[in-house]
Amino acid sequence: MQWDINLSFSNVASSSFHAEVLVDDTSNMFCYNININVDSSSIPRFGRVLAFNGYRWSQPALSNPPFIIAKTQSPGSVLNAVAFGTSSIGIIARWNKPSIQQCKFGGDGSLPISHYVIEWDSNSDFNSPAEMVMLSSKENSFKVGGRDLITGSESNILNEEIYYLRITAFNSKGAGLVTHFIHFETGSLQIGPLKNTIPSAPKITQQGILGVLSRNSINIK
């Protein structure tokens, strides 16, 4: 991977505008993040890629578009957004913040994420209208339904319904890309139907009975 501030790539060797990316047989796409000094961010950057097979380097392939100018922008997509029902009136939603470690647009847009907005609705097009909650940028989970003990936010959902959830990260530029939650087991966009369930049986280890504490008490793990 080579980059330069002019199309002739005359500064590649002298300025170390290059990096080697190892081939991973499990992927057909590779990416590399170029860190740019803020003082020169308005200067166009050209990019090209060469392949090496242990014998010789290939001809360079130019990027498309041939150059790009760095700029601050709204955030990318929130990552790993999953949700699951906890009862007939409860849903747990979890996610990870946007990241630049993806072979697509992502990250915070070079501006701090200010907050997240989660929306939920029984309609997949979110036109009921959807209910929503605004959460701090420090949060990575939320309980939909009732009062979240961590954030203090309150929300309501209906018994036995199927719900759809989505989340958006914001910075000072505005709203980022919308991410839809999927069920953590099925991968479906549908969360529900919500229902109360019987808890699974506790597991007692082989050394579960640890000993007698007294004549009328034993210790079980």
Protein backbone atom coordinates (compact mmCIF):
# COMPACT_ATOMS: atom_id res chain seq x y z
CA MET A 1 0.00 0.00 0.00
CA GLN A 2 1.43 3.39 -1.03
CA TRP A 3 0.07 6.89 -0.67
CA ASP A 4 1.31 10.36 -1.55
CA ILE A 5 0.24 13.98 -1.89
CA ASN A 6 0.84 13.89 -5.66
CA LEU A 7 -0.03 11.44 -8.42
CA SER A 8 3.61 10.71 -9.30
CA PHE A 9 4.15 9.10 -5.85
CA SER A 10 7.59 10.70 -5.74
CA ASN A 11 7.56 10.99 -1.92
CA VAL A 12 6.83 7.33 -1.15
CA ALA A 13 10.42 6.29 -0.42
CA SER A 14 11.66 9.47 1.25
CA SER A 15 8.61 10.04 3.45
CA SER A 16 7.73 6.40 4.28
CA PHE A 17 4.31 6.75 2.68
CA HIS A 18 3.94 2.99 2.37
CA ALA A 19 2.95 -0.09 4.36
CA GLU A 20 2.88 -3.84 3.81
CA VAL A 21 -0.39 -5.68 4.42
CA LEU A 22 -0.08 -9.44 4.86
CA VAL A 23 -2.46 -11.62 2.88
CA ASP A 24 -5.06 -13.49 4.92
CA ASP A 25 -6.51 -16.52 3.09
CA THR A 26 -9.77 -16.18 5.05
CA SER A 27 -10.58 -12.78 3.54
CA ASN A 28 -10.99 -11.37 0.04
CA MET A 29 -10.79 -7.75 1.16
CA PHE A 30 -7.96 -5.90 2.86
CA CYS A 31 -7.73 -2.40 4.25
CA TYR A 32 -5.25 -0.04 5.82
CA ASN A 33 -5.91 3.14 7.81
CA ILE A 34 -3.65 6.07 7.00
CA ASN A 35 -3.09 8.52 9.85
CA ILE A 36 -2.98 12.11 8.63
CA ASN A 37 -1.62 15.17 10.41
CA VAL A 38 -4.41 17.66 11.06
CA ASP A 39 -2.27 20.50 9.69
CA SER A 40 -2.17 18.87 6.26
CA SER A 41 -5.61 17.26 6.21
CA SER A 42 -6.86 19.57 3.43
CA ILE A 43 -4.23 18.25 0.99
CA PRO A 44 -5.46 15.48 -1.37
CA ARG A 45 -4.02 11.98 -0.81
CA PHE A 46 -3.47 9.58 -3.71
CA GLY A 47 -3.34 5.84 -3.16
CA ARG A 48 -2.25 2.70 -4.98
CA VAL A 49 -1.69 -1.00 -4.21
CA LEU A 50 0.92 -3.46 -5.48
CA ALA A 51 1.01 -7.25 -4.98
CA PHE A 52 4.12 -9.35 -4.31
CA ASN A 53 4.46 -13.12 -4.84
CA GLY A 54 8.02 -13.62 -3.61
CA TYR A 55 9.44 -13.07 -7.08
CA ARG A 56 8.47 -9.62 -8.31
CA TRP A 57 6.09 -6.75 -7.61
CA SER A 58 3.02 -6.31 -9.77
CA GLN A 59 2.07 -3.16 -11.60
CA PRO A 60 0.32 -0.70 -9.24
CA ALA A 61 -3.46 -0.46 -9.16
CA LEU A 62 -4.68 3.08 -8.52
CA SER A 63 -7.44 3.76 -6.03
CA ASN A 64 -10.92 4.73 -7.20
CA PRO A 65 -11.46 7.65 -6.79
CA PRO A 66 -7.79 8.47 -7.44
CA PHE A 67 -7.55 10.80 -4.44
CA ILE A 68 -9.45 11.76 -1.32
CA ILE A 69 -9.39 14.68 1.11
CA ALA A 70 -9.68 13.90 4.82
CA LYS A 71 -12.46 15.64 6.73
CA THR A 72 -14.48 15.31 9.90
CA GLN A 73 -17.88 13.72 9.45
CA SER A 74 -20.72 12.03 11.28
CA PRO A 75 -20.06 8.60 12.87
CA GLY A 76 -20.12 5.23 11.18
CA SER A 77 -22.34 2.31 12.09
CA VAL A 78 -22.57 1.00 15.63
CA LEU A 79 -21.12 -2.52 15.75
CA ASN A 80 -22.38 -5.87 17.08
CA ALA A 81 -25.87 -4.60 17.89
CA VAL A 82 -27.75 -7.56 19.40
CA ALA A 83 -30.91 -7.84 21.48
CA PHE A 84 -33.02 -10.49 23.20
CA GLY A 85 -36.21 -10.66 25.20
CA THR A 86 -35.92 -11.08 28.95
CA SER A 87 -39.63 -11.31 29.77
CA SER A 88 -43.06 -10.42 28.36
CA ILE A 89 -42.24 -6.74 28.93
CA GLY A 90 -38.44 -6.55 28.67
CA ILE A 91 -35.66 -6.48 26.05
CA ILE A 92 -31.90 -6.19 26.60
CA ALA A 93 -29.97 -4.37 23.84
CA ARG A 94 -26.15 -4.43 23.61
CA TRP A 95 -23.68 -2.90 21.15
CA ASN A 96 -20.12 -1.75 20.51
CA LYS A 97 -19.08 1.74 19.46
CA PRO A 98 -18.21 2.50 15.80
CA SER A 99 -14.66 1.50 14.87
CA ILE A 100 -12.22 2.36 12.10
CA GLN A 101 -10.94 -1.24 12.20
CA GLN A 102 -13.35 -2.19 9.42
CA CYS A 103 -12.92 -2.36 5.64
CA LYS A 104 -15.68 0.20 5.26
CA PHE A 105 -16.57 3.65 6.54
CA GLY A 106 -16.64 3.61 10.33
CA GLY A 107 -15.33 5.17 13.50
CA ASP A 108 -16.34 8.38 15.22
CA GLY A 109 -15.73 10.63 12.20
CA SER A 110 -12.71 12.18 13.98
CA LEU A 111 -15.09 13.85 16.45
CA PRO A 112 -16.09 12.49 19.87
CA ILE A 113 -19.38 10.57 19.93
CA SER A 114 -21.78 12.66 22.01
CA HIS A 115 -24.64 10.20 22.50
CA TYR A 116 -26.63 7.27 21.11
CA VAL A 117 -30.32 7.11 20.21
CA ILE A 118 -32.15 3.78 20.41
CA GLU A 119 -35.56 3.42 18.77
CA TRP A 120 -38.01 0.54 19.03
CA ASP A 121 -41.34 -0.21 17.38
CA SER A 122 -43.69 -3.09 16.69
CA ASN A 123 -43.55 -2.10 13.00
CA SER A 124 -40.40 -2.81 10.98
CA ASP A 125 -40.60 0.62 9.30
CA PHE A 126 -40.68 2.38 12.70
CA ASN A 127 -43.78 4.44 11.80
CA SER A 128 -46.13 3.69 14.72
CA PRO A 129 -44.40 6.12 15.63
CA ALA A 130 -41.37 4.56 17.28
CA GLU A 131 -40.41 5.19 20.87
CA MET A 132 -36.86 6.27 21.59
CA VAL A 133 -34.31 6.96 24.29
CA MET A 134 -31.12 9.04 24.28
CA LEU A 135 -28.10 7.50 26.00
CA SER A 136 -24.65 8.66 27.00
CA SER A 137 -21.72 7.82 24.71
CA LYS A 138 -20.32 5.75 27.60
CA GLU A 139 -23.20 3.27 27.48
CA ASN A 140 -23.07 -0.04 25.59
CA SER A 141 -26.28 -1.68 26.80
CA PHE A 142 -29.86 -0.72 27.63
CA LYS A 143 -32.94 -2.42 29.02
CA VAL A 144 -36.04 -1.60 26.99
CA GLY A 145 -39.10 -1.86 29.21
CA GLY A 146 -39.41 -0.45 32.71
CA ARG A 147 -36.59 1.50 34.35
CA ASP A 148 -32.96 0.77 33.47
CA LEU A 149 -31.07 0.56 36.77
CA ILE A 150 -27.80 1.71 35.21
CA THR A 151 -28.93 4.63 33.03
CA GLY A 152 -32.07 5.58 34.97
CA SER A 153 -34.03 5.91 31.69
CA GLU A 154 -37.61 4.66 31.58
CA SER A 155 -39.35 2.98 28.64
CA ASN A 156 -42.41 0.87 27.90
CA ILE A 157 -43.15 -2.13 25.70
CA LEU A 158 -46.24 -4.30 25.37
CA ASN A 159 -46.79 -7.91 26.40
CA GLU A 160 -46.48 -10.65 23.74
CA GLU A 161 -45.42 -8.22 20.98
CA ILE A 162 -42.66 -8.57 18.37
CA TYR A 163 -40.33 -5.57 18.30
CA TYR A 164 -37.71 -4.06 16.02
CA LEU A 165 -34.84 -1.97 17.37
CA ARG A 166 -32.26 0.32 15.82
CA ILE A 167 -29.46 2.54 17.11
CA THR A 168 -27.65 5.64 15.83
CA ALA A 169 -24.45 7.28 17.08
CA PHE A 170 -24.19 11.10 17.08
CA ASN A 171 -21.34 13.58 17.16
CA SER A 172 -21.23 17.34 16.62
CA LYS A 173 -21.70 16.78 12.86
CA GLY A 174 -24.99 15.00 13.45
CA ALA A 175 -26.44 11.52 13.11
CA GLY A 176 -24.32 8.61 11.90
CA LEU A 177 -25.39 5.50 10.01
CA VAL A 178 -28.36 3.60 11.42
CA THR A 179 -27.71 0.07 12.71
CA HIS A 180 -30.55 -2.43 13.21
CA PHE A 181 -30.39 -4.80 16.16
CA ILE A 182 -30.57 -8.53 15.48
CA HIS A 183 -31.57 -11.33 17.81
CA PHE A 184 -28.40 -12.64 19.46
CA GLU A 185 -29.30 -16.28 18.73
CA THR A 186 -31.34 -16.32 15.50
CA GLY A 187 -29.88 -13.28 13.71
CA SER A 188 -33.42 -12.14 12.92
CA LEU A 189 -34.45 -8.48 13.01
CA GLN A 190 -37.52 -9.59 14.96
CA ILE A 191 -37.12 -9.51 18.73
CA GLY A 192 -39.92 -11.60 20.21
CA PRO A 193 -42.69 -12.49 20.61
CA LEU A 194 -41.90 -11.39 24.13
CA LYS A 195 -42.94 -13.84 26.82
CA ASN A 196 -42.13 -14.95 30.31
CA THR A 197 -40.06 -18.13 30.48
CA ILE A 198 -39.10 -20.66 33.12
CA PRO A 199 -35.49 -20.19 34.27
CA SER A 200 -33.03 -22.94 33.45
CA ALA A 201 -32.10 -25.34 36.23
CA PRO A 202 -29.07 -24.39 38.37
CA LYS A 203 -25.90 -26.39 37.79
CA ILE A 204 -24.16 -28.06 40.72
CA THR A 205 -20.50 -28.95 40.18
CA GLN A 206 -19.10 -32.41 40.92
CA GLN A 207 -17.58 -30.92 44.04
CA GLY A 208 -20.76 -28.95 44.64
CA ILE A 209 -21.40 -30.11 48.21
CA LEU A 210 -18.49 -28.44 49.93
CA GLY A 211 -19.11 -29.52 53.47
CA VAL A 212 -21.24 -29.43 56.54
CA LEU A 213 -21.35 -26.05 58.23
CA SER A 214 -23.35 -27.18 61.21
CA ARG A 215 -25.82 -29.81 62.33
CA ASN A 216 -28.57 -28.21 60.21
CA SER A 217 -26.57 -26.51 57.40
CA ILE A 218 -24.44 -27.61 54.41
CA ASN A 219 -22.52 -25.56 51.83
CA ILE A 220 -23.45 -26.18 48.16
CA LYS A 221 -21.75 -24.47 45.19
